[in-house]
Amino acid sequence: MNIERSRGTTELTREELVRYSRHILLPQVGEDGQRALKASRVLLVGAGGLGSPVALYLAAAGVGTLGLVDFDAVDLSNLQRQILHGSSAVGSSKIDSARDRLRDINPNVEVEAYETRFASSNALEIARGYDLIVDGTDNFATRYLVNDTSVLLGIPNVYGSVYRFEGQASVFGAPDGPCYRCLFREPPPPHLVPSCAEAGVLGVIPGLVGTIQATEAIKMLLGLGDALVGRLLTIDVMTMAFRTIEIRRDPECPACGTREITELIDYDEFCGAAPAREPMGGAVSEIQPSQLAERLEGGEELEIIDVREPYEWQLGHIPGARLVPLGRIAAEIPRLDKRRETILYCKVGVRSMFAAKQLADAGVSEVRNLAGGILRWIDEVDPTMTRY
């Protein structure tokens, strides 16, 4: 597929003719193709694990304008996979770090920075006017948001995702092609598919998938080869198996089929990730970090259980808590005082919510999950603790 509007008459400078000479030597690219890249505009949502290789390679390739959306700061735990950022950038905003790195890679590329959360309230305004959207996010709520933005604006969406030792890539929202909702009509329950922060990921996997996304973006902009429209590429690096699954456009899809979706919705609520409104059956409620801190300061004796792994516990834990990793929570239930209020936490609140549901189902009378996990505890109660 060729993004026709990207083929402009933008001239190449002498410096650019040298910089892109290996591209220009390719008959399928040439000077016309390089000018098309220079005239193109690509929006990248997320400057993390997937966004890092995408941004680096699109900038190096000479894409004229890169829009970057990210609201986060560089954390030490990012550096294992987010190669756009370095140790000197820890603590600074990812947008600032990315802009500096991309300027060094290619000063000819214009970076349009959006240091904000990509949300229903701003997505259409941000994405309008770009030729492609590249999805570098790591959660279902934003993936559905990116997809619906793509369909509503008629802008193809280059998708990628990673999980531990596996990855996926595709192109959604292209003319006559399927969208993300054709493949995943409904999101899975939040506890079934944890994020990288909860499940971990081999550092090179985002690099591999992000490089594929960059490749697909360049192919789309230049009209080269067969893009991953109507195909899902899956990767398992443990066996080094690459497989392609055919995806058909679903005529009943509410986004690209029946067109029932005419505006952006609350995607946190749609994906079950909204702040607790009696989540997972209504038996578990959430407690805010400030509330827990106040109760501890007041001397209340609470059963606080940390369901993270031992290495996470060593990095820091809430005073008075005890460690019961998620895999051992079922065996711990018979030893609990079911009449006592029990508060569980993990890193961001997903694993602990799953554990809390098990306790509630087993008859523990009052179970609470710490909203946002220990990361929110660090942000709101004890910033001296180590973030990871």
Protein backbone atom coordinates (compact mmCIF):
# COMPACT_ATOMS: atom_id res chain seq x y z
CA MET A 1 0.00 0.00 0.00
CA ASN A 2 1.28 3.43 -0.91
CA ILE A 3 0.57 6.48 1.23
CA GLU A 4 -0.03 8.73 -1.75
CA ARG A 5 -0.08 12.03 0.12
CA SER A 6 3.45 11.36 1.34
CA ARG A 7 4.88 11.57 -2.16
CA GLY A 8 5.69 15.24 -2.28
CA THR A 9 8.21 17.29 -4.20
CA THR A 10 10.40 18.00 -1.18
CA GLU A 11 13.93 18.42 -2.49
CA LEU A 12 16.92 16.71 -0.92
CA THR A 13 19.93 18.73 0.13
CA ARG A 14 23.46 17.71 -0.76
CA GLU A 15 23.95 16.51 2.81
CA GLU A 16 20.80 14.39 2.57
CA LEU A 17 21.88 12.87 -0.73
CA VAL A 18 24.98 11.61 1.05
CA ARG A 19 23.17 10.62 4.26
CA TYR A 20 20.56 8.55 2.42
CA SER A 21 22.79 7.32 -0.39
CA ARG A 22 22.31 3.64 0.49
CA HIS A 23 18.57 4.13 0.20
CA ILE A 24 18.84 6.04 -3.04
CA LEU A 25 20.95 3.26 -4.56
CA LEU A 26 17.96 0.93 -4.20
CA PRO A 27 15.93 1.06 -7.43
CA GLN A 28 12.74 0.55 -5.40
CA VAL A 29 13.47 3.72 -3.40
CA GLY A 30 15.66 6.13 -5.35
CA GLU A 31 15.46 9.88 -4.95
CA ASP A 32 11.69 9.92 -5.41
CA GLY A 33 11.21 7.49 -2.56
CA GLN A 34 13.57 9.40 -0.32
CA ARG A 35 11.70 12.60 -1.03
CA ALA A 36 8.47 10.79 -0.14
CA LEU A 37 9.95 9.80 3.20
CA LYS A 38 11.04 13.37 3.81
CA ALA A 39 7.50 14.58 3.12
CA SER A 40 5.86 11.97 5.36
CA ARG A 41 4.45 12.38 8.83
CA VAL A 42 4.35 9.49 11.31
CA LEU A 43 2.83 9.55 14.79
CA LEU A 44 4.46 7.26 17.34
CA VAL A 45 2.43 6.59 20.48
CA GLY A 46 4.88 5.57 23.18
CA ALA A 47 8.62 6.15 23.44
CA GLY A 48 9.42 2.99 25.38
CA GLY A 49 10.47 -0.53 24.43
CA LEU A 50 8.68 -0.70 21.08
CA GLY A 51 8.88 3.01 20.38
CA SER A 52 12.65 3.13 20.81
CA PRO A 53 13.67 1.15 17.69
CA VAL A 54 10.75 2.59 15.74
CA ALA A 55 11.84 6.17 16.46
CA LEU A 56 15.52 5.48 15.83
CA TYR A 57 15.02 3.73 12.51
CA LEU A 58 12.35 6.11 11.17
CA ALA A 59 14.54 9.08 12.04
CA ALA A 60 17.59 7.45 10.47
CA ALA A 61 15.55 6.59 7.38
CA GLY A 62 14.65 10.23 6.85
CA VAL A 63 10.97 10.35 7.77
CA GLY A 64 10.43 14.10 7.71
CA THR A 65 8.18 14.53 10.74
CA LEU A 66 7.93 12.26 13.76
CA GLY A 67 5.19 12.90 16.30
CA LEU A 68 6.03 11.46 19.72
CA VAL A 69 3.43 10.94 22.44
CA ASP A 70 4.62 10.00 25.91
CA PHE A 71 4.03 11.36 29.41
CA ASP A 72 6.45 9.20 31.40
CA ALA A 73 9.93 9.76 32.82
CA VAL A 74 12.96 7.57 32.16
CA ASP A 75 13.35 4.98 34.89
CA LEU A 76 16.41 2.82 35.58
CA SER A 77 14.35 -0.31 34.92
CA ASN A 78 13.57 0.98 31.39
CA LEU A 79 17.16 0.79 30.20
CA GLN A 80 17.18 -2.99 29.77
CA ARG A 81 15.08 -2.59 26.61
CA GLN A 82 14.31 1.09 25.87
CA ILE A 83 17.40 1.81 23.80
CA LEU A 84 16.26 5.32 22.89
CA HIS A 85 17.29 6.39 26.39
CA GLY A 86 20.56 6.21 28.34
CA SER A 87 21.68 6.24 31.94
CA SER A 88 22.22 10.00 31.89
CA ALA A 89 18.51 10.47 31.09
CA VAL A 90 17.19 8.65 34.18
CA GLY A 91 14.71 10.93 35.91
CA SER A 92 14.15 13.16 32.89
CA SER A 93 11.11 13.01 30.64
CA LYS A 94 11.13 10.45 27.86
CA ILE A 95 10.08 13.14 25.42
CA ASP A 96 13.15 15.26 26.21
CA SER A 97 15.43 12.22 26.12
CA ALA A 98 13.96 11.04 22.81
CA ARG A 99 14.16 14.48 21.21
CA ASP A 100 17.84 14.82 22.08
CA ARG A 101 18.70 11.35 20.81
CA LEU A 102 16.76 11.74 17.56
CA ARG A 103 18.29 15.14 16.91
CA ASP A 104 21.70 13.47 17.15
CA ILE A 105 20.62 10.60 14.87
CA ASN A 106 19.26 12.93 12.20
CA PRO A 107 18.94 16.71 12.65
CA ASN A 108 16.85 16.89 9.47
CA VAL A 109 13.88 15.21 11.16
CA GLU A 110 11.28 17.44 12.80
CA VAL A 111 10.08 16.03 16.12
CA GLU A 112 6.59 17.10 17.17
CA ALA A 113 6.43 16.32 20.88
CA TYR A 114 3.26 15.67 22.87
CA GLU A 115 4.24 15.24 26.51
CA THR A 116 0.84 14.02 27.59
CA ARG A 117 -1.16 10.84 27.98
CA PHE A 118 -2.76 9.72 24.72
CA ALA A 119 -6.40 9.83 25.76
CA SER A 120 -9.91 9.96 24.36
CA SER A 121 -9.97 13.70 24.97
CA ASN A 122 -6.96 14.48 22.76
CA ALA A 123 -6.29 11.51 20.47
CA LEU A 124 -8.18 12.73 17.41
CA GLU A 125 -6.67 16.19 17.65
CA ILE A 126 -3.14 14.82 18.02
CA ALA A 127 -3.37 12.17 15.28
CA ARG A 128 -5.13 14.23 12.64
CA GLY A 129 -2.80 15.14 9.77
CA TYR A 130 -0.39 12.19 10.13
CA ASP A 131 0.07 9.54 7.45
CA LEU A 132 0.57 6.63 9.83
CA ILE A 133 0.17 5.81 13.49
CA VAL A 134 2.68 3.42 15.05
CA ASP A 135 1.41 1.80 18.24
CA GLY A 136 4.24 1.49 20.75
CA THR A 137 2.01 1.05 23.79
CA ASP A 138 1.90 -1.75 26.34
CA ASN A 139 -1.70 -1.90 27.54
CA PHE A 140 -5.03 -2.89 26.06
CA ALA A 141 -6.85 0.35 26.84
CA THR A 142 -4.47 2.43 24.73
CA ARG A 143 -4.35 -0.18 21.96
CA TYR A 144 -8.12 0.05 21.53
CA LEU A 145 -7.87 3.83 21.68
CA VAL A 146 -5.17 3.86 18.98
CA ASN A 147 -7.24 1.48 16.86
CA ASP A 148 -10.43 3.51 17.05
CA THR A 149 -8.53 6.73 16.38
CA SER A 150 -6.96 5.06 13.34
CA VAL A 151 -10.33 3.91 11.97
CA LEU A 152 -12.15 7.16 12.62
CA LEU A 153 -9.42 9.22 10.90
CA GLY A 154 -8.67 6.70 8.15
CA ILE A 155 -4.99 6.46 9.15
CA PRO A 156 -3.35 3.00 9.11
CA ASN A 157 -2.07 1.71 12.43
CA VAL A 158 1.20 -0.26 12.61
CA TYR A 159 0.71 -2.52 15.62
CA GLY A 160 3.18 -4.36 17.82
CA SER A 161 3.07 -6.08 21.19
CA VAL A 162 5.46 -8.13 23.34
CA TYR A 163 5.14 -10.61 26.18
CA ARG A 164 8.08 -12.31 27.86
CA PHE A 165 9.74 -14.19 24.96
CA GLU A 166 7.05 -13.53 22.35
CA GLY A 167 5.94 -10.75 20.05
CA GLN A 168 3.30 -9.81 17.49
CA ALA A 169 3.08 -7.31 14.65
CA SER A 170 0.48 -6.33 12.08
CA VAL A 171 -0.98 -3.37 10.18
CA PHE A 172 -4.53 -2.44 11.09
CA GLY A 173 -6.95 0.15 9.77
CA ALA A 174 -5.69 0.12 6.18
CA PRO A 175 -8.28 0.46 3.37
CA ASP A 176 -10.10 -2.87 2.94
CA GLY A 177 -8.01 -4.39 5.73
CA PRO A 178 -9.08 -5.49 9.23
CA CYS A 179 -8.65 -3.42 12.36
CA TYR A 180 -7.54 -4.46 15.83
CA ARG A 181 -11.14 -5.06 16.89
CA CYS A 182 -11.58 -7.57 14.05
CA LEU A 183 -8.97 -9.70 15.78
CA PHE A 184 -9.74 -8.86 19.41
CA ARG A 185 -13.40 -7.85 19.67
CA GLU A 186 -13.26 -7.72 23.47
CA PRO A 187 -10.27 -7.20 25.78
CA PRO A 188 -9.25 -10.04 28.10
CA PRO A 189 -9.75 -9.73 31.87
CA PRO A 190 -6.94 -7.48 33.20
CA HIS A 191 -5.34 -10.17 35.38
CA LEU A 192 -4.96 -12.68 32.54
CA VAL A 193 -2.51 -10.68 30.40
CA PRO A 194 -0.14 -8.72 32.65
CA SER A 195 2.03 -5.93 31.31
CA CYS A 196 5.81 -6.10 30.96
CA ALA A 197 6.05 -4.44 34.36
CA GLU A 198 4.24 -7.42 35.86
CA ALA A 199 5.31 -10.35 33.65
CA GLY A 200 8.75 -9.28 32.43
CA VAL A 201 10.13 -9.31 28.90
CA LEU A 202 13.44 -10.29 27.34
CA GLY A 203 15.04 -6.96 26.46
CA VAL A 204 15.66 -7.73 22.78
CA ILE A 205 12.02 -8.68 22.06
CA PRO A 206 10.75 -5.07 21.87
CA GLY A 207 13.78 -4.30 19.71
CA LEU A 208 12.89 -7.11 17.33
CA VAL A 209 9.18 -6.25 17.11
CA GLY A 210 9.79 -2.51 16.99
CA THR A 211 12.22 -2.95 14.11
CA ILE A 212 9.53 -4.90 12.25
CA GLN A 213 7.09 -2.07 12.93
CA ALA A 214 9.57 0.45 11.54
CA THR A 215 10.03 -1.74 8.48
CA GLU A 216 6.30 -1.94 7.89
CA ALA A 217 5.93 1.81 8.32
CA ILE A 218 8.61 2.51 5.71
CA LYS A 219 7.07 -0.04 3.32
CA MET A 220 3.68 1.61 3.73
CA LEU A 221 5.07 5.08 3.12
CA LEU A 222 6.89 3.93 -0.01
CA GLY A 223 4.37 1.41 -1.31
CA LEU A 224 6.95 -1.38 -1.22
CA GLY A 225 6.25 -5.09 -1.03
CA ASP A 226 3.36 -6.65 0.84
CA ALA A 227 2.58 -4.99 4.14
CA LEU A 228 1.19 -6.96 7.09
CA VAL A 229 -2.36 -5.92 6.21
CA GLY A 230 -4.67 -8.83 6.96
CA ARG A 231 -1.85 -10.80 8.56
CA LEU A 232 -0.63 -11.18 12.13
CA LEU A 233 3.06 -12.00 12.48
CA THR A 234 3.84 -13.93 15.67
CA ILE A 235 7.34 -14.49 17.02
CA ASP A 236 8.58 -16.96 19.62
CA VAL A 237 12.29 -16.47 20.20
CA MET A 238 12.60 -19.56 22.39
CA THR A 239 12.13 -21.64 19.24
CA MET A 240 12.92 -18.77 16.84
CA ALA A 241 9.64 -19.50 15.09
CA PHE A 242 8.03 -16.82 12.94
CA ARG A 243 4.43 -17.56 11.93
CA THR A 244 1.87 -15.61 9.96
CA ILE A 245 -1.85 -15.85 10.69
CA GLU A 246 -4.39 -14.61 8.16
CA ILE A 247 -6.90 -12.07 9.53
CA ARG A 248 -10.09 -11.19 7.72
CA ARG A 249 -12.02 -7.99 8.05
CA ASP A 250 -15.08 -8.65 10.17
CA PRO A 251 -18.23 -7.11 8.63
CA GLU A 252 -19.76 -7.07 12.12
CA CYS A 253 -16.81 -5.23 13.65
CA PRO A 254 -18.24 -2.17 15.46
CA ALA A 255 -15.27 -0.04 14.37
CA CYS A 256 -14.48 -0.79 10.73
CA GLY A 257 -17.50 -2.96 9.84
CA THR A 258 -20.83 -1.62 11.05
CA ARG A 259 -19.20 1.69 12.00
CA GLU A 260 -21.17 1.77 15.25
CA ILE A 261 -18.22 3.44 16.93
CA THR A 262 -18.48 7.07 15.93
CA GLU A 263 -16.57 8.63 18.82
CA LEU A 264 -13.88 7.69 21.30
CA ILE A 265 -15.03 6.10 24.56
CA ASP A 266 -13.68 5.51 28.07
CA TYR A 267 -11.12 2.80 27.26
CA ASP A 268 -10.03 2.21 30.85
CA GLU A 269 -13.60 1.30 31.70
CA PHE A 270 -13.97 -0.76 28.50
CA CYS A 271 -10.88 -2.79 29.39
CA GLY A 272 -11.76 -3.15 33.05
CA ALA A 273 -8.80 -1.04 34.13
CA ALA A 274 -10.72 1.89 35.60
CA PRO A 275 -10.37 2.74 39.29
CA ALA A 276 -12.17 0.19 41.38
CA ARG A 277 -15.90 0.13 41.12
CA GLU A 278 -16.33 -3.22 42.85
CA PRO A 279 -13.95 -4.97 40.42
CA MET A 280 -13.97 -8.65 39.59
CA GLY A 281 -17.33 -9.61 40.99
CA GLY A 282 -17.82 -6.93 43.65
CA ALA A 283 -16.16 -8.79 46.58
CA VAL A 284 -12.91 -6.79 46.52
CA SER A 285 -12.54 -3.06 47.06
CA GLU A 286 -9.49 -0.85 46.71
CA ILE A 287 -7.68 1.20 49.30
CA GLN A 288 -5.68 4.27 48.32
CA PRO A 289 -2.02 4.52 49.40
CA SER A 290 -2.73 7.62 51.47
CA GLN A 291 -5.55 5.83 53.29
CA LEU A 292 -3.34 2.85 54.10
CA ALA A 293 -0.53 5.11 55.30
CA GLU A 294 -2.91 6.99 57.57
CA ARG A 295 -4.21 3.79 59.11
CA LEU A 296 -0.72 2.45 59.69
CA GLU A 297 0.33 5.72 61.31
CA GLY A 298 -2.71 5.39 63.54
CA GLY A 299 -1.39 2.09 64.84
CA GLU A 300 -3.96 -0.22 63.27
CA GLU A 301 -2.89 -3.84 63.02
CA LEU A 302 -3.64 -4.95 59.48
CA GLU A 303 -2.85 -8.10 57.56
CA ILE A 304 -0.79 -6.73 54.67
CA ILE A 305 0.38 -9.25 52.08
CA ASP A 306 2.93 -8.53 49.35
CA VAL A 307 2.31 -10.95 46.46
CA ARG A 308 5.40 -9.97 44.47
CA GLU A 309 8.50 -12.10 43.97
CA PRO A 310 11.37 -12.25 46.51
CA TYR A 311 13.70 -10.04 44.44
CA GLU A 312 11.02 -7.35 44.29
CA TRP A 313 10.55 -7.56 48.05
CA GLN A 314 14.28 -6.95 48.50
CA LEU A 315 14.00 -3.69 46.55
CA GLY A 316 11.59 -2.37 49.16
CA HIS A 317 8.28 -3.15 50.81
CA ILE A 318 5.56 -1.56 52.88
CA PRO A 319 6.23 -1.59 56.64
CA GLY A 320 4.35 -4.37 58.40
CA ALA A 321 3.78 -6.39 55.26
CA ARG A 322 4.78 -10.00 54.77
CA LEU A 323 5.79 -11.71 51.55
CA VAL A 324 3.54 -14.35 49.99
CA PRO A 325 4.32 -14.59 46.25
CA LEU A 326 1.29 -15.00 44.02
CA GLY A 327 2.14 -18.60 43.24
CA ARG A 328 1.87 -19.47 46.95
CA ILE A 329 -1.26 -17.48 47.78
CA ALA A 330 -3.65 -20.45 47.46
CA ALA A 331 -1.62 -22.49 49.95
CA GLU A 332 -1.63 -19.55 52.37
CA ILE A 333 -5.41 -19.15 52.49
CA PRO A 334 -6.05 -21.85 55.16
CA ARG A 335 -3.63 -20.07 57.51
CA LEU A 336 -5.35 -16.68 57.26
CA ASP A 337 -7.69 -15.26 59.88
CA LYS A 338 -10.74 -14.89 57.67
CA ARG A 339 -12.33 -12.40 60.06
CA ARG A 340 -9.41 -9.98 59.79
CA GLU A 341 -9.15 -7.26 57.18
CA THR A 342 -6.54 -8.23 54.61
CA ILE A 343 -4.80 -5.81 52.27
CA LEU A 344 -2.79 -7.07 49.30
CA TYR A 345 -0.42 -5.30 46.98
CA CYS A 346 2.02 -5.96 44.14
CA LYS A 347 3.86 -3.65 41.76
CA VAL A 348 0.93 -1.97 40.00
CA GLY A 349 -2.12 -3.75 41.41
CA VAL A 350 -2.86 -6.46 38.85
CA ARG A 351 -1.37 -9.53 40.52
CA SER A 352 -2.68 -8.49 43.91
CA MET A 353 -6.22 -8.02 42.55
CA PHE A 354 -6.10 -11.58 41.21
CA ALA A 355 -4.90 -12.81 44.62
CA ALA A 356 -7.52 -10.72 46.43
CA LYS A 357 -10.27 -12.34 44.38
CA GLN A 358 -9.00 -15.76 45.45
CA LEU A 359 -9.14 -14.71 49.10
CA ALA A 360 -12.62 -13.28 48.74
CA ASP A 361 -13.87 -16.45 47.06
CA ALA A 362 -12.36 -18.45 49.93
CA GLY A 363 -14.42 -16.55 52.48
CA VAL A 364 -12.03 -13.89 53.78
CA SER A 365 -14.56 -11.33 55.00
CA GLU A 366 -12.86 -8.07 54.11
CA VAL A 367 -10.27 -7.95 51.34
CA ARG A 368 -8.75 -4.80 49.86
CA ASN A 369 -6.34 -4.25 47.02
CA LEU A 370 -3.82 -1.40 47.18
CA ALA A 371 -4.67 0.88 44.26
CA GLY A 372 -1.73 1.29 41.90
CA GLY A 373 0.46 -1.09 43.89
CA ILE A 374 3.78 -0.18 45.42
CA LEU A 375 4.56 2.24 42.58
CA ARG A 376 1.72 4.51 43.71
CA TRP A 377 2.82 4.00 47.32
CA ILE A 378 6.24 5.32 46.30
CA ASP A 379 4.74 8.25 44.41
CA GLU A 380 2.30 9.29 47.11
CA VAL A 381 3.71 8.05 50.42
CA ASP A 382 7.40 7.13 50.39
CA PRO A 383 9.45 8.54 47.47
CA THR A 384 12.68 7.28 49.10
CA MET A 385 11.84 3.72 48.05
CA THR A 386 13.34 2.30 44.85
CA ARG A 387 11.23 2.40 41.70
CA TYR A 388 11.75 -0.45 39.26
